[in-house]
Amino acid sequence: MTDILTVSLLITSALLVIIIILQPKGEWLSLTGTSVGSSARFEKRGAELMLHRITIALSVVYVALALALYLLG
């Protein structure tokens, strides 16, 4: 059982890294309050929104797998 969870955790972490790398650069600057240029965007649309939602879902799965592996191991 722990072998399946470990492999799932590794796959999830690899996918999470890939999805984070695919996200647009400079997004963190708008979160800190400093805008880049005159057009500060507050909405995500299209592929950017999909990547954001996939990142959140993979993060939740990663934490759940890590907790399950901790509790069983």
C-alpha atoms as a PDB file:
ATOM      1  CA  MET A   1       0.000   0.000   0.000  1.00  0.00           C
ATOM      2  CA  THR A   2       2.784   2.423   0.843  1.00  0.00           C
ATOM      3  CA  ASP A   3       4.511   1.581  -2.445  1.00  0.00           C
ATOM      4  CA  ILE A   4       1.437   2.689  -4.395  1.00  0.00           C
ATOM      5  CA  LEU A   5       1.204   5.887  -2.345  1.00  0.00           C
ATOM      6  CA  THR A   6       4.904   6.608  -2.830  1.00  0.00           C
ATOM      7  CA  VAL A   7       4.708   6.171  -6.595  1.00  0.00           C
ATOM      8  CA  SER A   8       1.545   8.298  -6.708  1.00  0.00           C
ATOM      9  CA  LEU A   9       3.283  10.992  -4.673  1.00  0.00           C
ATOM     10  CA  LEU A  10       6.264  11.005  -7.028  1.00  0.00           C
ATOM     11  CA  ILE A  11       4.055  11.246 -10.110  1.00  0.00           C
ATOM     12  CA  THR A  12       1.974  14.004  -8.533  1.00  0.00           C
ATOM     13  CA  SER A  13       5.063  15.978  -7.561  1.00  0.00           C
ATOM     14  CA  ALA A  14       6.518  15.690 -11.078  1.00  0.00           C
ATOM     15  CA  LEU A  15       3.230  16.855 -12.616  1.00  0.00           C
ATOM     16  CA  LEU A  16       3.037  19.725 -10.131  1.00  0.00           C
ATOM     17  CA  VAL A  17       6.526  20.914 -11.061  1.00  0.00           C
ATOM     18  CA  ILE A  18       5.696  20.752 -14.778  1.00  0.00           C
ATOM     19  CA  ILE A  19       2.425  22.675 -14.332  1.00  0.00           C
ATOM     20  CA  ILE A  20       4.133  25.349 -12.221  1.00  0.00           C
ATOM     21  CA  ILE A  21       6.843  25.794 -14.849  1.00  0.00           C
ATOM     22  CA  LEU A  22       4.181  26.173 -17.566  1.00  0.00           C
ATOM     23  CA  GLN A  23       2.469  29.063 -15.782  1.00  0.00           C
ATOM     24  CA  PRO A  24       3.100  32.598 -17.074  1.00  0.00           C
ATOM     25  CA  LYS A  25       6.050  34.441 -15.586  1.00  0.00           C
ATOM     26  CA  GLY A  26       5.682  37.621 -13.568  1.00  0.00           C
ATOM     27  CA  GLU A  27       2.413  36.581 -11.948  1.00  0.00           C
ATOM     28  CA  TRP A  28       3.901  36.749  -8.439  1.00  0.00           C
ATOM     29  CA  LEU A  29       4.682  40.436  -8.876  1.00  0.00           C
ATOM     30  CA  SER A  30       1.011  41.320  -9.075  1.00  0.00           C
ATOM     31  CA  LEU A  31       0.339  39.418  -5.870  1.00  0.00           C
ATOM     32  CA  THR A  32       2.851  41.496  -3.899  1.00  0.00           C
ATOM     33  CA  GLY A  33       1.200  44.778  -4.818  1.00  0.00           C
ATOM     34  CA  THR A  34       3.702  45.997  -7.375  1.00  0.00           C
ATOM     35  CA  SER A  35       2.205  46.122 -10.824  1.00  0.00           C
ATOM     36  CA  VAL A  36       4.158  45.348 -13.950  1.00  0.00           C
ATOM     37  CA  GLY A  37       3.383  48.100 -16.420  1.00  0.00           C
ATOM     38  CA  SER A  38       0.148  50.010 -16.540  1.00  0.00           C
ATOM     39  CA  SER A  39      -2.120  47.034 -17.140  1.00  0.00           C
ATOM     40  CA  ALA A  40      -2.306  45.015 -13.935  1.00  0.00           C
ATOM     41  CA  ARG A  41      -4.446  41.936 -14.577  1.00  0.00           C
ATOM     42  CA  PHE A  42      -6.672  40.562 -11.873  1.00  0.00           C
ATOM     43  CA  GLU A  43      -8.549  37.906 -13.835  1.00  0.00           C
ATOM     44  CA  LYS A  44      -7.233  34.683 -15.246  1.00  0.00           C
ATOM     45  CA  ARG A  45      -8.719  33.532 -18.531  1.00  0.00           C
ATOM     46  CA  GLY A  46      -8.386  30.583 -20.855  1.00  0.00           C
ATOM     47  CA  ALA A  47      -5.306  28.430 -20.505  1.00  0.00           C
ATOM     48  CA  GLU A  48      -4.001  30.489 -17.591  1.00  0.00           C
ATOM     49  CA  LEU A  49      -7.170  29.774 -15.598  1.00  0.00           C
ATOM     50  CA  MET A  50      -6.969  26.071 -16.451  1.00  0.00           C
ATOM     51  CA  LEU A  51      -3.321  25.869 -15.330  1.00  0.00           C
ATOM     52  CA  HIS A  52      -4.213  27.681 -12.109  1.00  0.00           C
ATOM     53  CA  ARG A  53      -7.024  25.241 -11.312  1.00  0.00           C
ATOM     54  CA  ILE A  54      -4.873  22.212 -12.176  1.00  0.00           C
ATOM     55  CA  THR A  55      -2.153  23.550  -9.875  1.00  0.00           C
ATOM     56  CA  ILE A  56      -4.610  23.859  -6.998  1.00  0.00           C
ATOM     57  CA  ALA A  57      -6.027  20.373  -7.606  1.00  0.00           C
ATOM     58  CA  LEU A  58      -2.577  18.771  -7.825  1.00  0.00           C
ATOM     59  CA  SER A  59      -1.520  20.583  -4.648  1.00  0.00           C
ATOM     60  CA  VAL A  60      -4.508  19.198  -2.763  1.00  0.00           C
ATOM     61  CA  VAL A  61      -3.799  15.682  -4.082  1.00  0.00           C
ATOM     62  CA  TYR A  62      -0.123  16.036  -3.134  1.00  0.00           C
ATOM     63  CA  VAL A  63      -0.929  17.063   0.438  1.00  0.00           C
ATOM     64  CA  ALA A  64      -3.510  14.284   0.792  1.00  0.00           C
ATOM     65  CA  LEU A  65      -1.054  11.671  -0.479  1.00  0.00           C
ATOM     66  CA  ALA A  66       1.702  12.977   1.786  1.00  0.00           C
ATOM     67  CA  LEU A  67      -0.596  12.842   4.826  1.00  0.00           C
ATOM     68  CA  ALA A  68      -1.804   9.357   3.929  1.00  0.00           C
ATOM     69  CA  LEU A  69       1.762   8.161   3.493  1.00  0.00           C
ATOM     70  CA  TYR A  70       2.753   9.720   6.821  1.00  0.00           C
ATOM     71  CA  LEU A  71      -0.159   8.150   8.684  1.00  0.00           C
ATOM     72  CA  LEU A  72       0.376   4.712   7.152  1.00  0.00           C
ATOM     73  CA  GLY A  73       4.161   4.747   7.308  1.00  0.00           C
END
